PDB file of N, CA and C in Angstrom:
ATOM      1  N   UNK A   1     174.516 283.792 215.149  1.00  0.00           N
ATOM      2  CA  UNK A   1     175.776 283.083 215.103  1.00  0.00           C
ATOM      3  C   UNK A   1     176.531 283.493 213.841  1.00  0.00           C
ATOM      4  N   UNK A   2     177.779 283.815 213.999  1.00  0.00           N
ATOM      5  CA  UNK A   2     178.599 284.257 212.881  1.00  0.00           C
ATOM      6  C   UNK A   2     179.516 283.126 212.422  1.00  0.00           C
ATOM      7  N   UNK A   3     179.487 282.844 211.145  1.00  0.00           N
ATOM      8  CA  UNK A   3     180.325 281.774 210.586  1.00  0.00           C
ATOM      9  C   UNK A   3     181.472 282.374 209.805  1.00  0.00           C
ATOM     10  N   UNK A   4     182.586 281.707 209.842  1.00  0.00           N
ATOM     11  CA  UNK A   4     183.739 282.174 209.079  1.00  0.00           C
ATOM     12  C   UNK A   4     183.534 281.859 207.602  1.00  0.00           C
ATOM     13  N   UNK A   5     184.232 282.597 206.781  1.00  0.00           N
ATOM     14  CA  UNK A   5     184.149 282.389 205.338  1.00  0.00           C
ATOM     15  C   UNK A   5     184.544 280.967 204.972  1.00  0.00           C
ATOM     16  N   UNK A   6     185.616 280.457 205.603  1.00  0.00           N
ATOM     17  CA  UNK A   6     186.081 279.109 205.262  1.00  0.00           C
ATOM     18  C   UNK A   6     185.049 278.053 205.625  1.00  0.00           C
ATOM     19  N   UNK A   7     184.300 278.253 206.706  1.00  0.00           N
ATOM     20  CA  UNK A   7     183.257 277.305 207.087  1.00  0.00           C
ATOM     21  C   UNK A   7     182.166 277.262 206.027  1.00  0.00           C
ATOM     22  N   UNK A   8     181.794 278.424 205.533  1.00  0.00           N
ATOM     23  CA  UNK A   8     180.757 278.512 204.508  1.00  0.00           C
ATOM     24  C   UNK A   8     181.239 277.872 203.212  1.00  0.00           C
ATOM     25  N   UNK A   9     182.494 278.123 202.830  1.00  0.00           N
ATOM     26  CA  UNK A   9     183.047 277.546 201.607  1.00  0.00           C
ATOM     27  C   UNK A   9     183.109 276.023 201.720  1.00  0.00           C
ATOM     28  N   UNK A  10     183.588 275.526 202.845  1.00  0.00           N
ATOM     29  CA  UNK A  10     183.672 274.078 203.041  1.00  0.00           C
ATOM     30  C   UNK A  10     182.284 273.458 203.009  1.00  0.00           C
ATOM     31  N   UNK A  11     181.323 274.092 203.650  1.00  0.00           N
ATOM     32  CA  UNK A  11     179.952 273.573 203.651  1.00  0.00           C
ATOM     33  C   UNK A  11     179.382 273.552 202.237  1.00  0.00           C
ATOM     34  N   UNK A  12     179.623 274.617 201.477  1.00  0.00           N
ATOM     35  CA  UNK A  12     179.136 274.672 200.098  1.00  0.00           C
ATOM     36  C   UNK A  12     179.766 273.606 199.228  1.00  0.00           C
ATOM     37  N   UNK A  13     181.077 273.399 199.380  1.00  0.00           N
ATOM     38  CA  UNK A  13     181.772 272.375 198.611  1.00  0.00           C
ATOM     39  C   UNK A  13     181.259 270.985 198.972  1.00  0.00           C
ATOM     40  N   UNK A  14     180.999 270.765 200.243  1.00  0.00           N
ATOM     41  CA  UNK A  14     180.487 269.468 200.700  1.00  0.00           C
ATOM     42  C   UNK A  14     179.137 269.167 200.065  1.00  0.00           C
ATOM     43  N   UNK A  15     178.277 270.164 199.996  1.00  0.00           N
ATOM     44  CA  UNK A  15     176.960 269.982 199.379  1.00  0.00           C
ATOM     45  C   UNK A  15     177.123 269.670 197.892  1.00  0.00           C
ATOM     46  N   UNK A  16     177.975 270.422 197.195  1.00  0.00           N
ATOM     47  CA  UNK A  16     178.187 270.177 195.762  1.00  0.00           C
ATOM     48  C   UNK A  16     178.790 268.805 195.510  1.00  0.00           C
ATOM     49  N   UNK A  17     179.756 268.418 196.315  1.00  0.00           N
ATOM     50  CA  UNK A  17     180.364 267.095 196.155  1.00  0.00           C
ATOM     51  C   UNK A  17     179.332 266.013 196.408  1.00  0.00           C
ATOM     52  N   UNK A  18     178.469 266.225 197.373  1.00  0.00           N
ATOM     53  CA  UNK A  18     177.414 265.257 197.664  1.00  0.00           C
ATOM     54  C   UNK A  18     176.445 265.117 196.513  1.00  0.00           C
ATOM     55  N   UNK A  19     176.085 266.231 195.894  1.00  0.00           N
ATOM     56  CA  UNK A  19     175.177 266.186 194.745  1.00  0.00           C
ATOM     57  C   UNK A  19     175.820 265.449 193.581  1.00  0.00           C
ATOM     58  N   UNK A  20     177.094 265.716 193.323  1.00  0.00           N
ATOM     59  CA  UNK A  20     177.789 265.012 192.240  1.00  0.00           C
ATOM     60  C   UNK A  20     177.873 263.529 192.550  1.00  0.00           C
ATOM     61  N   UNK A  21     178.077 263.194 193.812  1.00  0.00           N
ATOM     62  CA  UNK A  21     178.158 261.791 194.215  1.00  0.00           C
ATOM     63  C   UNK A  21     176.825 261.092 193.995  1.00  0.00           C
ATOM     64  N   UNK A  22     175.728 261.761 194.349  1.00  0.00           N
ATOM     65  CA  UNK A  22     174.399 261.187 194.135  1.00  0.00           C
ATOM     66  C   UNK A  22     174.162 260.992 192.648  1.00  0.00           C
ATOM     67  N   UNK A  23     174.570 261.974 191.827  1.00  0.00           N
ATOM     68  CA  UNK A  23     174.415 261.842 190.377  1.00  0.00           C
ATOM     69  C   UNK A  23     175.172 260.639 189.852  1.00  0.00           C
ATOM     70  N   UNK A  24     176.388 260.461 190.340  1.00  0.00           N
ATOM     71  CA  UNK A  24     177.201 259.345 189.867  1.00  0.00           C
ATOM     72  C   UNK A  24     176.619 258.020 190.332  1.00  0.00           C
ATOM     73  N   UNK A  25     176.073 257.983 191.544  1.00  0.00           N
ATOM     74  CA  UNK A  25     175.486 256.743 192.050  1.00  0.00           C
ATOM     75  C   UNK A  25     174.255 256.363 191.247  1.00  0.00           C
ATOM     76  N   UNK A  26     173.493 257.346 190.817  1.00  0.00           N
ATOM     77  CA  UNK A  26     172.280 257.094 190.052  1.00  0.00           C
ATOM     78  C   UNK A  26     172.592 256.874 188.575  1.00  0.00           C
ATOM     79  N   UNK A  27     173.836 257.058 188.218  1.00  0.00           N
ATOM     80  CA  UNK A  27     174.241 256.947 186.824  1.00  0.00           C
ATOM     81  C   UNK A  27     174.346 255.484 186.392  1.00  0.00           C
ATOM     82  N   UNK A  28     174.477 255.307 185.108  1.00  0.00           N
ATOM     83  CA  UNK A  28     174.535 253.986 184.500  1.00  0.00           C
ATOM     84  C   UNK A  28     175.970 253.704 184.047  1.00  0.00           C
ATOM     85  N   UNK A  29     176.686 252.888 184.822  1.00  0.00           N
ATOM     86  CA  UNK A  29     178.083 252.577 184.513  1.00  0.00           C
ATOM     87  C   UNK A  29     178.215 251.856 183.174  1.00  0.00           C
ATOM     88  N   UNK A  30     177.246 251.031 182.811  1.00  0.00           N
ATOM     89  CA  UNK A  30     177.304 250.334 181.520  1.00  0.00           C
ATOM     90  C   UNK A  30     177.188 251.320 180.361  1.00  0.00           C
ATOM     91  N   UNK A  31     176.309 252.320 180.521  1.00  0.00           N
ATOM     92  CA  UNK A  31     176.209 253.358 179.487  1.00  0.00           C
ATOM     93  C   UNK A  31     177.510 254.152 179.440  1.00  0.00           C
ATOM     94  N   UNK A  32     178.129 254.368 180.588  1.00  0.00           N
ATOM     95  CA  UNK A  32     179.416 255.050 180.649  1.00  0.00           C
ATOM     96  C   UNK A  32     180.498 254.262 179.949  1.00  0.00           C
ATOM     97  N   UNK A  33     180.467 252.948 180.121  1.00  0.00           N
ATOM     98  CA  UNK A  33     181.455 252.084 179.462  1.00  0.00           C
ATOM     99  C   UNK A  33     181.329 252.206 177.947  1.00  0.00           C
ATOM    100  N   UNK A  34     180.109 252.209 177.444  1.00  0.00           N
ATOM    101  CA  UNK A  34     179.892 252.340 175.999  1.00  0.00           C
ATOM    102  C   UNK A  34     180.373 253.706 175.506  1.00  0.00           C
ATOM    103  N   UNK A  35     180.135 254.736 176.291  1.00  0.00           N
ATOM    104  CA  UNK A  35     180.527 256.096 175.918  1.00  0.00           C
ATOM    105  C   UNK A  35     182.038 256.281 176.010  1.00  0.00           C
ATOM    106  N   UNK A  36     182.708 255.454 176.819  1.00  0.00           N
ATOM    107  CA  UNK A  36     184.139 255.599 177.086  1.00  0.00           C
ATOM    108  C   UNK A  36     185.033 255.106 175.956  1.00  0.00           C
ATOM    109  N   UNK A  37     184.474 254.532 174.925  1.00  0.00           N
ATOM    110  CA  UNK A  37     185.297 253.993 173.836  1.00  0.00           C
ATOM    111  C   UNK A  37     186.239 255.051 173.277  1.00  0.00           C
ATOM    112  N   UNK A  38     185.757 256.254 173.090  1.00  0.00           N
ATOM    113  CA  UNK A  38     186.609 257.316 172.547  1.00  0.00           C
ATOM    114  C   UNK A  38     187.665 257.737 173.566  1.00  0.00           C
ATOM    115  N   UNK A  39     187.382 257.624 174.848  1.00  0.00           N
ATOM    116  CA  UNK A  39     188.328 258.005 175.907  1.00  0.00           C
ATOM    117  C   UNK A  39     189.539 257.069 175.933  1.00  0.00           C
ATOM    118  N   UNK A  40     189.316 255.820 175.516  1.00  0.00           N
ATOM    119  CA  UNK A  40     190.356 254.789 175.590  1.00  0.00           C
ATOM    120  C   UNK A  40     191.598 255.141 174.778  1.00  0.00           C
ATOM    121  N   UNK A  41     191.450 255.951 173.753  1.00  0.00           N
ATOM    122  CA  UNK A  41     192.604 256.308 172.923  1.00  0.00           C
ATOM    123  C   UNK A  41     193.714 256.961 173.746  1.00  0.00           C
ATOM    124  N   UNK A  42     193.337 257.748 174.743  1.00  0.00           N
ATOM    125  CA  UNK A  42     194.333 258.427 175.579  1.00  0.00           C
ATOM    126  C   UNK A  42     194.413 257.849 176.988  1.00  0.00           C
ATOM    127  N   UNK A  43     193.266 257.443 177.531  1.00  0.00           N
ATOM    128  CA  UNK A  43     193.207 257.023 178.932  1.00  0.00           C
ATOM    129  C   UNK A  43     193.230 255.512 179.121  1.00  0.00           C
ATOM    130  N   UNK A  44     193.394 254.767 178.035  1.00  0.00           N
ATOM    131  CA  UNK A  44     193.497 253.321 178.109  1.00  0.00           C
ATOM    132  C   UNK A  44     192.160 252.610 178.110  1.00  0.00           C
ATOM    133  N   UNK A  45     192.171 251.384 177.644  1.00  0.00           N
ATOM    134  CA  UNK A  45     190.958 250.574 177.512  1.00  0.00           C
ATOM    135  C   UNK A  45     190.213 250.408 178.841  1.00  0.00           C
ATOM    136  N   UNK A  46     190.960 250.216 179.923  1.00  0.00           N
ATOM    137  CA  UNK A  46     190.346 250.030 181.237  1.00  0.00           C
ATOM    138  C   UNK A  46     190.640 251.203 182.164  1.00  0.00           C
ATOM    139  N   UNK A  47     190.835 252.379 181.580  1.00  0.00           N
ATOM    140  CA  UNK A  47     191.087 253.574 182.381  1.00  0.00           C
ATOM    141  C   UNK A  47     192.511 253.699 182.879  1.00  0.00           C
ATOM    142  N   UNK A  48     193.401 252.832 182.409  1.00  0.00           N
ATOM    143  CA  UNK A  48     194.817 252.895 182.771  1.00  0.00           C
ATOM    144  C   UNK A  48     195.582 253.354 181.533  1.00  0.00           C
ATOM    145  N   UNK A  49     196.068 254.572 181.565  1.00  0.00           N
ATOM    146  CA  UNK A  49     196.757 255.151 180.410  1.00  0.00           C
ATOM    147  C   UNK A  49     198.087 254.458 180.169  1.00  0.00           C
ATOM    148  N   UNK A  50     198.380 254.203 178.914  1.00  0.00           N
ATOM    149  CA  UNK A  50     199.659 253.600 178.560  1.00  0.00           C
ATOM    150  C   UNK A  50     200.681 254.668 178.193  1.00  0.00           C
ATOM    151  N   UNK A  51     200.228 255.889 178.003  1.00  0.00           N
ATOM    152  CA  UNK A  51     201.103 257.015 177.695  1.00  0.00           C
ATOM    153  C   UNK A  51     201.162 257.893 178.948  1.00  0.00           C
ATOM    154  N   UNK A  52     202.355 258.085 179.518  1.00  0.00           N
ATOM    155  CA  UNK A  52     202.482 258.786 180.803  1.00  0.00           C
ATOM    156  C   UNK A  52     201.865 260.183 180.878  1.00  0.00           C
ATOM    157  N   UNK A  53     201.763 260.879 179.778  1.00  0.00           N
ATOM    158  CA  UNK A  53     201.228 262.252 179.845  1.00  0.00           C
ATOM    159  C   UNK A  53     199.709 262.301 180.062  1.00  0.00           C
ATOM    160  N   UNK A  54     199.037 261.163 179.941  1.00  0.00           N
ATOM    161  CA  UNK A  54     197.593 261.119 180.141  1.00  0.00           C
ATOM    162  C   UNK A  54     197.277 260.490 181.494  1.00  0.00           C
ATOM    163  N   UNK A  55     196.323 261.053 182.221  1.00  0.00           N
ATOM    164  CA  UNK A  55     196.020 260.508 183.552  1.00  0.00           C
ATOM    165  C   UNK A  55     195.215 259.208 183.491  1.00  0.00           C
ATOM    166  N   UNK A  56     195.429 258.387 184.504  1.00  0.00           N
ATOM    167  CA  UNK A  56     194.593 257.195 184.686  1.00  0.00           C
ATOM    168  C   UNK A  56     193.236 257.647 185.210  1.00  0.00           C
ATOM    169  N   UNK A  57     192.185 257.029 184.726  1.00  0.00           N
ATOM    170  CA  UNK A  57     190.834 257.354 185.189  1.00  0.00           C
ATOM    171  C   UNK A  57     190.242 256.241 186.043  1.00  0.00           C
ATOM    172  N   UNK A  58     190.793 255.051 185.956  1.00  0.00           N
ATOM    173  CA  UNK A  58     190.275 253.910 186.720  1.00  0.00           C
ATOM    174  C   UNK A  58     190.339 254.199 188.215  1.00  0.00           C
ATOM    175  N   UNK A  59     189.211 254.037 188.893  1.00  0.00           N
ATOM    176  CA  UNK A  59     189.139 254.234 190.332  1.00  0.00           C
ATOM    177  C   UNK A  59     189.076 255.687 190.764  1.00  0.00           C
ATOM    178  N   UNK A  60     189.058 256.595 189.810  1.00  0.00           N
ATOM    179  CA  UNK A  60     188.998 258.021 190.140  1.00  0.00           C
ATOM    180  C   UNK A  60     187.657 258.353 190.785  1.00  0.00           C
ATOM    181  N   UNK A  61     187.647 259.307 191.664  1.00  0.00           N
ATOM    182  CA  UNK A  61     186.434 259.746 192.341  1.00  0.00           C
ATOM    183  C   UNK A  61     185.427 260.273 191.312  1.00  0.00           C
ATOM    184  N   UNK A  62     184.205 259.774 191.374  1.00  0.00           N
ATOM    185  CA  UNK A  62     183.181 260.152 190.387  1.00  0.00           C
ATOM    186  C   UNK A  62     182.888 261.647 190.402  1.00  0.00           C
ATOM    187  N   UNK A  63     182.814 262.234 191.584  1.00  0.00           N
ATOM    188  CA  UNK A  63     182.533 263.672 191.679  1.00  0.00           C
ATOM    189  C   UNK A  63     183.642 264.476 190.994  1.00  0.00           C
ATOM    190  N   UNK A  64     184.878 264.018 191.146  1.00  0.00           N
ATOM    191  CA  UNK A  64     186.003 264.702 190.512  1.00  0.00           C
ATOM    192  C   UNK A  64     185.889 264.622 188.984  1.00  0.00           C
ATOM    193  N   UNK A  65     185.544 263.458 188.464  1.00  0.00           N
ATOM    194  CA  UNK A  65     185.415 263.292 187.009  1.00  0.00           C
ATOM    195  C   UNK A  65     184.322 264.203 186.473  1.00  0.00           C
ATOM    196  N   UNK A  66     183.189 264.239 187.157  1.00  0.00           N
ATOM    197  CA  UNK A  66     182.088 265.116 186.728  1.00  0.00           C
ATOM    198  C   UNK A  66     182.545 266.570 186.750  1.00  0.00           C
ATOM    199  N   UNK A  67     183.227 266.961 187.816  1.00  0.00           N
ATOM    200  CA  UNK A  67     183.718 268.332 187.940  1.00  0.00           C
ATOM    201  C   UNK A  67     184.701 268.670 186.823  1.00  0.00           C
ATOM    202  N   UNK A  68     185.634 267.754 186.546  1.00  0.00           N
ATOM    203  CA  UNK A  68     186.627 267.993 185.503  1.00  0.00           C
ATOM    204  C   UNK A  68     185.979 268.082 184.126  1.00  0.00           C
ATOM    205  N   UNK A  69     185.078 267.160 183.825  1.00  0.00           N
ATOM    206  CA  UNK A  69     184.411 267.178 182.518  1.00  0.00           C
ATOM    207  C   UNK A  69     183.572 268.443 182.343  1.00  0.00           C
ATOM    208  N   UNK A  70     182.908 268.854 183.408  1.00  0.00           N
ATOM    209  CA  UNK A  70     182.111 270.086 183.358  1.00  0.00           C
ATOM    210  C   UNK A  70     183.016 271.287 183.087  1.00  0.00           C
ATOM    211  N   UNK A  71     184.154 271.339 183.764  1.00  0.00           N
ATOM    212  CA  UNK A  71     185.091 272.446 183.561  1.00  0.00           C
ATOM    213  C   UNK A  71     185.657 272.434 182.141  1.00  0.00           C
ATOM    214  N   UNK A  72     185.945 271.253 181.615  1.00  0.00           N
ATOM    215  CA  UNK A  72     186.408 271.176 180.225  1.00  0.00           C
ATOM    216  C   UNK A  72     185.307 271.637 179.269  1.00  0.00           C
ATOM    217  N   UNK A  73     184.106 271.189 179.504  1.00  0.00           N
ATOM    218  CA  UNK A  73     182.984 271.571 178.631  1.00  0.00           C
ATOM    219  C   UNK A  73     182.779 273.084 178.646  1.00  0.00           C
ATOM    220  N   UNK A  74     182.894 273.689 179.829  1.00  0.00           N
ATOM    221  CA  UNK A  74     182.720 275.140 179.973  1.00  0.00           C
ATOM    222  C   UNK A  74     183.982 275.916 179.622  1.00  0.00           C
ATOM    223  N   UNK A  75     185.054 275.198 179.282  1.00  0.00           N
ATOM    224  CA  UNK A  75     186.354 275.770 178.933  1.00  0.00           C
ATOM    225  C   UNK A  75     186.953 276.605 180.055  1.00  0.00           C
ATOM    226  N   UNK A  76     186.656 276.222 181.297  1.00  0.00           N
ATOM    227  CA  UNK A  76     187.244 276.911 182.437  1.00  0.00           C
ATOM    228  C   UNK A  76     188.459 276.164 182.967  1.00  0.00           C
ATOM    229  N   UNK A  77     188.707 274.966 182.477  1.00  0.00           N
ATOM    230  CA  UNK A  77     189.905 274.212 182.854  1.00  0.00           C
ATOM    231  C   UNK A  77     190.880 274.273 181.693  1.00  0.00           C
ATOM    232  N   UNK A  78     192.095 274.708 181.990  1.00  0.00           N
ATOM    233  CA  UNK A  78     193.101 274.889 180.955  1.00  0.00           C
ATOM    234  C   UNK A  78     194.370 274.143 181.340  1.00  0.00           C
ATOM    235  N   UNK A  79     195.313 274.145 180.451  1.00  0.00           N
ATOM    236  CA  UNK A  79     196.585 273.491 180.714  1.00  0.00           C
ATOM    237  C   UNK A  79     196.583 272.066 180.202  1.00  0.00           C
ATOM    238  N   UNK A  80     197.764 271.498 180.081  1.00  0.00           N
ATOM    239  CA  UNK A  80     197.882 270.118 179.629  1.00  0.00           C
ATOM    240  C   UNK A  80     197.205 269.906 178.286  1.00  0.00           C
ATOM    241  N   UNK A  81     196.350 268.938 178.242  1.00  0.00           N
ATOM    242  CA  UNK A  81     195.633 268.588 177.017  1.00  0.00           C
ATOM    243  C   UNK A  81     194.235 269.204 176.983  1.00  0.00           C
ATOM    244  N   UNK A  82     194.078 270.376 177.601  1.00  0.00           N
ATOM    245  CA  UNK A  82     192.763 271.007 177.713  1.00  0.00           C
ATOM    246  C   UNK A  82     192.094 271.242 176.365  1.00  0.00           C
ATOM    247  N   UNK A  83     192.850 271.627 175.371  1.00  0.00           N
ATOM    248  CA  UNK A  83     192.254 271.894 174.054  1.00  0.00           C
ATOM    249  C   UNK A  83     191.591 270.633 173.520  1.00  0.00           C
ATOM    250  N   UNK A  84     192.246 269.504 173.682  1.00  0.00           N
ATOM    251  CA  UNK A  84     191.668 268.231 173.244  1.00  0.00           C
ATOM    252  C   UNK A  84     190.427 267.923 174.075  1.00  0.00           C
ATOM    253  N   UNK A  85     190.539 268.092 175.375  1.00  0.00           N
ATOM    254  CA  UNK A  85     189.419 267.769 176.267  1.00  0.00           C
ATOM    255  C   UNK A  85     188.245 268.723 176.086  1.00  0.00           C
ATOM    256  N   UNK A  86     188.505 269.967 175.745  1.00  0.00           N
ATOM    257  CA  UNK A  86     187.399 270.893 175.469  1.00  0.00           C
ATOM    258  C   UNK A  86     186.532 270.325 174.347  1.00  0.00           C
ATOM    259  N   UNK A  87     187.179 269.842 173.298  1.00  0.00           N
ATOM    260  CA  UNK A  87     186.448 269.256 172.175  1.00  0.00           C
ATOM    261  C   UNK A  87     185.736 267.970 172.555  1.00  0.00           C
ATOM    262  N   UNK A  88     186.394 267.126 173.346  1.00  0.00           N
ATOM    263  CA  UNK A  88     185.795 265.856 173.750  1.00  0.00           C
ATOM    264  C   UNK A  88     184.585 266.073 174.655  1.00  0.00           C
ATOM    265  N   UNK A  89     184.669 267.033 175.555  1.00  0.00           N
ATOM    266  CA  UNK A  89     183.593 267.265 176.520  1.00  0.00           C
ATOM    267  C   UNK A  89     182.441 268.087 175.944  1.00  0.00           C
ATOM    268  N   UNK A  90     182.694 268.794 174.857  1.00  0.00           N
ATOM    269  CA  UNK A  90     181.689 269.703 174.298  1.00  0.00           C
ATOM    270  C   UNK A  90     180.344 269.021 174.031  1.00  0.00           C
ATOM    271  N   UNK A  91     180.373 267.802 173.546  1.00  0.00           N
ATOM    272  CA  UNK A  91     179.130 267.119 173.189  1.00  0.00           C
ATOM    273  C   UNK A  91     178.540 266.260 174.295  1.00  0.00           C
ATOM    274  N   UNK A  92     179.136 266.276 175.480  1.00  0.00           N
ATOM    275  CA  UNK A  92     178.629 265.438 176.570  1.00  0.00           C
ATOM    276  C   UNK A  92     177.486 266.108 177.319  1.00  0.00           C
ATOM    277  N   UNK A  93     176.443 265.342 177.572  1.00  0.00           N
ATOM    278  CA  UNK A  93     175.353 265.837 178.408  1.00  0.00           C
ATOM    279  C   UNK A  93     175.721 265.581 179.870  1.00  0.00           C
ATOM    280  N   UNK A  94     174.939 266.113 180.797  1.00  0.00           N
ATOM    281  CA  UNK A  94     175.178 265.851 182.215  1.00  0.00           C
ATOM    282  C   UNK A  94     175.050 264.357 182.502  1.00  0.00           C
ATOM    283  N   UNK A  95     174.094 263.699 181.849  1.00  0.00           N
ATOM    284  CA  UNK A  95     173.927 262.255 182.041  1.00  0.00           C
ATOM    285  C   UNK A  95     175.141 261.503 181.518  1.00  0.00           C
ATOM    286  N   UNK A  96     175.668 261.921 180.365  1.00  0.00           N
ATOM    287  CA  UNK A  96     176.878 261.289 179.828  1.00  0.00           C
ATOM    288  C   UNK A  96     178.025 261.402 180.828  1.00  0.00           C
ATOM    289  N   UNK A  97     178.202 262.597 181.383  1.00  0.00           N
ATOM    290  CA  UNK A  97     179.289 262.820 182.342  1.00  0.00           C
ATOM    291  C   UNK A  97     179.110 261.940 183.579  1.00  0.00           C
ATOM    292  N   UNK A  98     177.888 261.866 184.078  1.00  0.00           N
ATOM    293  CA  UNK A  98     177.622 261.036 185.254  1.00  0.00           C
ATOM    294  C   UNK A  98     177.856 259.563 184.938  1.00  0.00           C
ATOM    295  N   UNK A  99     177.458 259.131 183.761  1.00  0.00           N
ATOM    296  CA  UNK A  99     177.660 257.735 183.363  1.00  0.00           C
ATOM    297  C   UNK A  99     179.148 257.408 183.220  1.00  0.00           C
ATOM    298  N   UNK A 100     179.894 258.299 182.580  1.00  0.00           N
ATOM    299  CA  UNK A 100     181.340 258.096 182.460  1.00  0.00           C
ATOM    300  C   UNK A 100     181.992 258.053 183.837  1.00  0.00           C
ATOM    301  N   UNK A 101     181.582 258.959 184.699  1.00  0.00           N
ATOM    302  CA  UNK A 101     182.138 259.006 186.053  1.00  0.00           C
ATOM    303  C   UNK A 101     181.831 257.721 186.814  1.00  0.00           C
ATOM    304  N   UNK A 102     180.618 257.229 186.685  1.00  0.00           N
ATOM    305  CA  UNK A 102     180.245 255.982 187.364  1.00  0.00           C
ATOM    306  C   UNK A 102     181.065 254.816 186.835  1.00  0.00           C
ATOM    307  N   UNK A 103     181.274 254.790 185.536  1.00  0.00           N
ATOM    308  CA  UNK A 103     182.061 253.709 184.938  1.00  0.00           C
ATOM    309  C   UNK A 103     183.507 253.735 185.441  1.00  0.00           C
ATOM    310  N   UNK A 104     184.159 254.883 185.314  1.00  0.00           N
ATOM    311  CA  UNK A 104     185.561 254.950 185.719  1.00  0.00           C
ATOM    312  C   UNK A 104     185.732 254.766 187.226  1.00  0.00           C
ATOM    313  N   UNK A 105     184.803 255.262 188.016  1.00  0.00           N
ATOM    314  CA  UNK A 105     184.878 255.074 189.468  1.00  0.00           C
ATOM    315  C   UNK A 105     184.732 253.604 189.845  1.00  0.00           C
ATOM    316  N   UNK A 106     184.034 252.833 189.018  1.00  0.00           N
ATOM    317  CA  UNK A 106     183.809 251.410 189.315  1.00  0.00           C
ATOM    318  C   UNK A 106     185.025 250.543 189.014  1.00  0.00           C
ATOM    319  N   UNK A 107     185.976 251.063 188.251  1.00  0.00           N
ATOM    320  CA  UNK A 107     187.162 250.289 187.873  1.00  0.00           C
ATOM    321  C   UNK A 107     188.204 250.333 188.975  1.00  0.00           C
ATOM    322  N   UNK A 108     188.997 249.290 189.068  1.00  0.00           N
ATOM    323  CA  UNK A 108     190.073 249.256 190.045  1.00  0.00           C
ATOM    324  C   UNK A 108     191.262 250.053 189.519  1.00  0.00           C
ATOM    325  N   UNK A 109     191.869 250.875 190.370  1.00  0.00           N
ATOM    326  CA  UNK A 109     192.989 251.708 189.924  1.00  0.00           C
ATOM    327  C   UNK A 109     194.163 250.927 189.342  1.00  0.00           C
ATOM    328  N   UNK A 110     194.396 249.731 189.781  1.00  0.00           N
ATOM    329  CA  UNK A 110     195.504 248.945 189.266  1.00  0.00           C
ATOM    330  C   UNK A 110     195.157 248.142 188.039  1.00  0.00           C
ATOM    331  N   UNK A 111     193.972 248.347 187.506  1.00  0.00           N
ATOM    332  CA  UNK A 111     193.504 247.585 186.348  1.00  0.00           C
ATOM    333  C   UNK A 111     192.577 246.472 186.799  1.00  0.00           C
ATOM    334  N   UNK A 112     191.857 245.947 185.882  1.00  0.00           N
ATOM    335  CA  UNK A 112     190.835 244.923 186.076  1.00  0.00           C
ATOM    336  C   UNK A 112     190.822 244.441 187.488  1.00  0.00           C
TER     337      UNK A 112
END
């Protein structure tokens, strides 16, 4: 059976997203909350940014947060405030990223 390239790419992405989701589910949102104190300066105390140039993190998909933090740490994500985020993500472990993702995913997008 011959599969198209797009089918293989979609299947691969689905597996990776699933793994990130499992990591976030197994993560500790309370540890993420403690780690998020430094994030609050730009992204707001409850993940709702008060400065329009910074994105809201409250309610964001955990897999997306892990992916973004990983890309910042590896310096493969550029643009916007990437230079700041490269420095912020540099010291994060995979567990830290999963914990932060679990915390922000647990928050309601409209605030508390």
